[in-house]
Amino acid sequence: MTYAKMFAMSMMSCHASAGSADAGSCCAQSASMHAASHAIIMILDAIIMASIIIIALVNLAVLRLCLVLLVLLAGLLVCGTMETPKMRKHA
């Protein structure tokens, strides 16, 4: 059941019982439940967004580390295979 349907059913039950019960307290309770659930939804949304951002940043850090290591290894391979003039004199 969707949130909108649950809210509509809650409001309908408040309106249906308004004749025999205190309508003010029923509508106030419904409004406070709506505000509380809206706050919970906002907090959960913020937690989900923060976790997505943290995961993306960790992935970027891992990719940067791999790129740096790849460039370093390529540099070491190039330097290791080069023949410098100093090495030619002693050979």
N, C-alpha and C. Protein backbone atom coordinates (compact mmCIF):
# COMPACT_ATOMS: atom_id res chain seq x y z
N MET A 1 0.86 -1.16 0.00
CA MET A 1 0.00 0.00 0.00
C MET A 1 0.91 1.23 0.00
N THR A 2 0.59 2.18 -0.83
CA THR A 2 1.42 3.36 -0.93
C THR A 2 1.18 4.30 0.23
N TYR A 3 2.12 5.20 0.38
CA TYR A 3 2.03 6.17 1.47
C TYR A 3 0.81 7.07 1.30
N ALA A 4 0.53 7.46 0.06
CA ALA A 4 -0.61 8.35 -0.18
C ALA A 4 -1.93 7.67 0.18
N LYS A 5 -2.06 6.38 -0.15
CA LYS A 5 -3.28 5.66 0.19
C LYS A 5 -3.44 5.51 1.69
N MET A 6 -2.32 5.23 2.37
CA MET A 6 -2.39 5.10 3.83
C MET A 6 -2.78 6.42 4.47
N PHE A 7 -2.24 7.52 3.95
CA PHE A 7 -2.58 8.83 4.50
C PHE A 7 -4.04 9.15 4.23
N ALA A 8 -4.52 8.83 3.01
CA ALA A 8 -5.91 9.09 2.67
C ALA A 8 -6.85 8.27 3.55
N MET A 9 -6.50 7.01 3.80
CA MET A 9 -7.34 6.17 4.66
C MET A 9 -7.35 6.69 6.09
N SER A 10 -6.20 7.18 6.53
CA SER A 10 -6.11 7.74 7.88
C SER A 10 -6.98 8.99 7.99
N MET A 11 -6.94 9.82 6.97
CA MET A 11 -7.75 11.04 6.98
C MET A 11 -9.24 10.70 6.89
N MET A 12 -9.59 9.67 6.10
CA MET A 12 -10.99 9.29 5.98
C MET A 12 -11.52 8.74 7.29
N SER A 13 -10.67 7.98 8.01
CA SER A 13 -11.13 7.45 9.28
C SER A 13 -11.31 8.57 10.29
N CYS A 14 -10.51 9.59 10.21
CA CYS A 14 -10.68 10.74 11.11
C CYS A 14 -11.98 11.46 10.79
N HIS A 15 -12.26 11.66 9.52
CA HIS A 15 -13.48 12.37 9.14
C HIS A 15 -14.73 11.54 9.46
N ALA A 16 -14.62 10.22 9.32
CA ALA A 16 -15.78 9.37 9.58
C ALA A 16 -16.13 9.34 11.07
N SER A 17 -15.13 9.43 11.92
CA SER A 17 -15.39 9.35 13.34
C SER A 17 -15.53 10.72 13.99
N ALA A 18 -15.54 11.77 13.20
CA ALA A 18 -15.58 13.13 13.76
C ALA A 18 -16.90 13.39 14.49
N GLY A 19 -17.96 12.75 14.08
CA GLY A 19 -19.25 13.00 14.73
C GLY A 19 -19.32 12.43 16.13
N SER A 20 -18.68 11.29 16.37
CA SER A 20 -18.79 10.64 17.68
C SER A 20 -17.56 10.87 18.56
N ALA A 21 -16.48 11.34 18.00
CA ALA A 21 -15.26 11.54 18.78
C ALA A 21 -14.81 12.99 18.65
N ASP A 22 -13.78 13.32 19.35
CA ASP A 22 -13.24 14.67 19.29
C ASP A 22 -12.46 14.81 17.98
N ALA A 23 -12.98 15.59 17.05
CA ALA A 23 -12.38 15.71 15.72
C ALA A 23 -11.04 16.42 15.79
N GLY A 24 -10.88 17.33 16.72
CA GLY A 24 -9.62 18.07 16.81
C GLY A 24 -8.45 17.18 17.15
N SER A 25 -8.63 16.28 18.10
CA SER A 25 -7.52 15.42 18.49
C SER A 25 -7.19 14.41 17.39
N CYS A 26 -8.19 13.94 16.69
CA CYS A 26 -7.97 12.97 15.61
C CYS A 26 -7.18 13.62 14.48
N CYS A 27 -7.56 14.81 14.08
CA CYS A 27 -6.86 15.48 12.99
C CYS A 27 -5.47 15.91 13.43
N ALA A 28 -5.32 16.30 14.68
CA ALA A 28 -4.00 16.67 15.19
C ALA A 28 -3.09 15.46 15.22
N GLN A 29 -3.64 14.32 15.62
CA GLN A 29 -2.85 13.09 15.65
C GLN A 29 -2.43 12.71 14.24
N SER A 30 -3.32 12.83 13.29
CA SER A 30 -3.01 12.51 11.90
C SER A 30 -1.94 13.45 11.37
N ALA A 31 -2.03 14.73 11.70
CA ALA A 31 -1.04 15.69 11.23
C ALA A 31 0.32 15.42 11.85
N SER A 32 0.34 15.06 13.14
CA SER A 32 1.63 14.77 13.78
C SER A 32 2.24 13.49 13.23
N MET A 33 1.41 12.49 12.90
CA MET A 33 1.92 11.27 12.29
C MET A 33 2.50 11.57 10.91
N HIS A 34 1.83 12.43 10.17
CA HIS A 34 2.31 12.81 8.84
C HIS A 34 3.64 13.55 8.96
N ALA A 35 3.77 14.45 9.91
CA ALA A 35 5.02 15.19 10.08
C ALA A 35 6.15 14.27 10.52
N ALA A 36 5.85 13.33 11.40
CA ALA A 36 6.87 12.40 11.88
C ALA A 36 7.34 11.48 10.76
N SER A 37 6.41 10.97 9.98
CA SER A 37 6.81 10.08 8.89
C SER A 37 7.57 10.86 7.82
N HIS A 38 7.20 12.10 7.60
CA HIS A 38 7.93 12.93 6.63
C HIS A 38 9.35 13.18 7.12
N ALA A 39 9.53 13.41 8.41
CA ALA A 39 10.87 13.61 8.96
C ALA A 39 11.71 12.35 8.84
N ILE A 40 11.11 11.20 9.09
CA ILE A 40 11.83 9.93 8.98
C ILE A 40 12.24 9.69 7.53
N ILE A 41 11.36 9.98 6.60
CA ILE A 41 11.68 9.82 5.18
C ILE A 41 12.84 10.72 4.80
N MET A 42 12.85 11.95 5.28
CA MET A 42 13.94 12.89 4.96
C MET A 42 15.27 12.39 5.53
N ILE A 43 15.25 11.87 6.76
CA ILE A 43 16.49 11.36 7.39
C ILE A 43 17.01 10.15 6.63
N LEU A 44 16.13 9.22 6.27
CA LEU A 44 16.56 8.04 5.52
C LEU A 44 17.09 8.43 4.14
N ASP A 45 16.49 9.40 3.51
CA ASP A 45 16.96 9.88 2.22
C ASP A 45 18.36 10.47 2.35
N ALA A 46 18.60 11.23 3.39
CA ALA A 46 19.93 11.81 3.60
C ALA A 46 20.98 10.73 3.85
N ILE A 47 20.62 9.70 4.60
CA ILE A 47 21.55 8.60 4.87
C ILE A 47 21.90 7.86 3.58
N ILE A 48 20.89 7.60 2.76
CA ILE A 48 21.13 6.90 1.49
C ILE A 48 22.02 7.74 0.58
N MET A 49 21.73 9.03 0.47
CA MET A 49 22.55 9.90 -0.39
C MET A 49 23.99 9.97 0.12
N ALA A 50 24.19 10.07 1.43
CA ALA A 50 25.54 10.13 1.98
C ALA A 50 26.30 8.84 1.71
N SER A 51 25.64 7.70 1.83
CA SER A 51 26.33 6.43 1.57
C SER A 51 26.69 6.30 0.09
N ILE A 52 25.84 6.77 -0.81
CA ILE A 52 26.16 6.74 -2.24
C ILE A 52 27.37 7.62 -2.53
N ILE A 53 27.42 8.80 -1.94
CA ILE A 53 28.53 9.71 -2.16
C ILE A 53 29.82 9.12 -1.59
N ILE A 54 29.76 8.52 -0.41
CA ILE A 54 30.96 7.92 0.19
C ILE A 54 31.48 6.77 -0.67
N ILE A 55 30.59 5.93 -1.16
CA ILE A 55 31.01 4.81 -2.01
C ILE A 55 31.64 5.33 -3.30
N ALA A 56 31.07 6.37 -3.89
CA ALA A 56 31.64 6.95 -5.11
C ALA A 56 33.03 7.52 -4.85
N LEU A 57 33.22 8.20 -3.72
CA LEU A 57 34.53 8.77 -3.40
C LEU A 57 35.57 7.68 -3.14
N VAL A 58 35.17 6.60 -2.50
CA VAL A 58 36.10 5.50 -2.27
C VAL A 58 36.50 4.87 -3.60
N ASN A 59 35.55 4.70 -4.50
CA ASN A 59 35.87 4.14 -5.81
C ASN A 59 36.82 5.04 -6.57
N LEU A 60 36.61 6.36 -6.49
CA LEU A 60 37.52 7.29 -7.16
C LEU A 60 38.92 7.22 -6.57
N ALA A 61 39.02 7.08 -5.25
CA ALA A 61 40.32 6.99 -4.62
C ALA A 61 41.06 5.72 -5.06
N VAL A 62 40.34 4.62 -5.16
CA VAL A 62 40.96 3.37 -5.60
C VAL A 62 41.42 3.49 -7.06
N LEU A 63 40.61 4.10 -7.90
CA LEU A 63 41.00 4.28 -9.30
C LEU A 63 42.22 5.19 -9.42
N ARG A 64 42.27 6.26 -8.62
CA ARG A 64 43.44 7.14 -8.66
C ARG A 64 44.69 6.40 -8.20
N LEU A 65 44.58 5.59 -7.17
CA LEU A 65 45.72 4.83 -6.69
C LEU A 65 46.23 3.86 -7.75
N CYS A 66 45.32 3.20 -8.43
CA CYS A 66 45.71 2.27 -9.50
C CYS A 66 46.39 3.01 -10.64
N LEU A 67 45.89 4.19 -10.98
CA LEU A 67 46.50 4.98 -12.05
C LEU A 67 47.90 5.44 -11.66
N VAL A 68 48.08 5.87 -10.44
CA VAL A 68 49.40 6.31 -9.97
C VAL A 68 50.38 5.14 -9.98
N LEU A 69 49.93 3.98 -9.51
CA LEU A 69 50.81 2.80 -9.52
C LEU A 69 51.16 2.38 -10.93
N LEU A 70 50.22 2.47 -11.84
CA LEU A 70 50.49 2.11 -13.23
C LEU A 70 51.51 3.05 -13.85
N VAL A 71 51.38 4.34 -13.60
CA VAL A 71 52.34 5.31 -14.13
C VAL A 71 53.71 5.08 -13.50
N LEU A 72 53.76 4.80 -12.22
CA LEU A 72 55.03 4.54 -11.54
C LEU A 72 55.71 3.30 -12.09
N LEU A 73 54.95 2.24 -12.29
CA LEU A 73 55.52 1.02 -12.86
C LEU A 73 56.01 1.24 -14.28
N ALA A 74 55.26 1.98 -15.07
CA ALA A 74 55.69 2.28 -16.44
C ALA A 74 56.98 3.09 -16.42
N GLY A 75 57.07 4.05 -15.51
CA GLY A 75 58.29 4.84 -15.40
C GLY A 75 59.48 3.99 -14.99
N LEU A 76 59.27 3.06 -14.05
CA LEU A 76 60.36 2.19 -13.63
C LEU A 76 60.80 1.25 -14.76
N LEU A 77 59.86 0.79 -15.54
CA LEU A 77 60.21 -0.08 -16.67
C LEU A 77 61.01 0.67 -17.72
N VAL A 78 60.59 1.91 -17.99
CA VAL A 78 61.32 2.71 -18.98
C VAL A 78 62.73 3.02 -18.47
N CYS A 79 62.85 3.40 -17.21
CA CYS A 79 64.17 3.72 -16.65
C CYS A 79 65.05 2.47 -16.56
N GLY A 80 64.47 1.34 -16.33
CA GLY A 80 65.24 0.11 -16.22
C GLY A 80 65.77 -0.38 -17.54
N THR A 81 65.11 -0.09 -18.62
CA THR A 81 65.55 -0.57 -19.93
C THR A 81 66.42 0.44 -20.66
N MET A 82 66.53 1.67 -20.15
CA MET A 82 67.36 2.67 -20.81
C MET A 82 68.83 2.41 -20.52
N GLU A 83 69.66 2.69 -21.51
CA GLU A 83 71.10 2.54 -21.34
C GLU A 83 71.69 3.94 -21.22
N THR A 84 72.16 4.29 -20.06
CA THR A 84 72.70 5.63 -19.85
C THR A 84 74.17 5.66 -20.29
N PRO A 85 74.69 6.85 -20.58
CA PRO A 85 76.10 6.95 -20.98
C PRO A 85 77.05 6.39 -19.92
N LYS A 86 76.74 6.54 -18.64
CA LYS A 86 77.59 6.04 -17.56
C LYS A 86 77.68 4.51 -17.64
N MET A 87 76.56 3.85 -17.97
CA MET A 87 76.56 2.40 -18.05
C MET A 87 77.39 1.93 -19.26
N ARG A 88 77.42 2.70 -20.34
CA ARG A 88 78.19 2.30 -21.53
C ARG A 88 79.69 2.39 -21.29
N LYS A 89 80.13 3.33 -20.47
CA LYS A 89 81.58 3.51 -20.22
C LYS A 89 82.15 2.29 -19.48
N HIS A 90 81.37 1.78 -18.51
CA HIS A 90 81.90 0.66 -17.70
C HIS A 90 81.72 -0.68 -18.35
N ALA A 91 81.01 -0.77 -19.43
CA ALA A 91 80.76 -2.07 -20.05
C ALA A 91 81.88 -2.55 -20.91
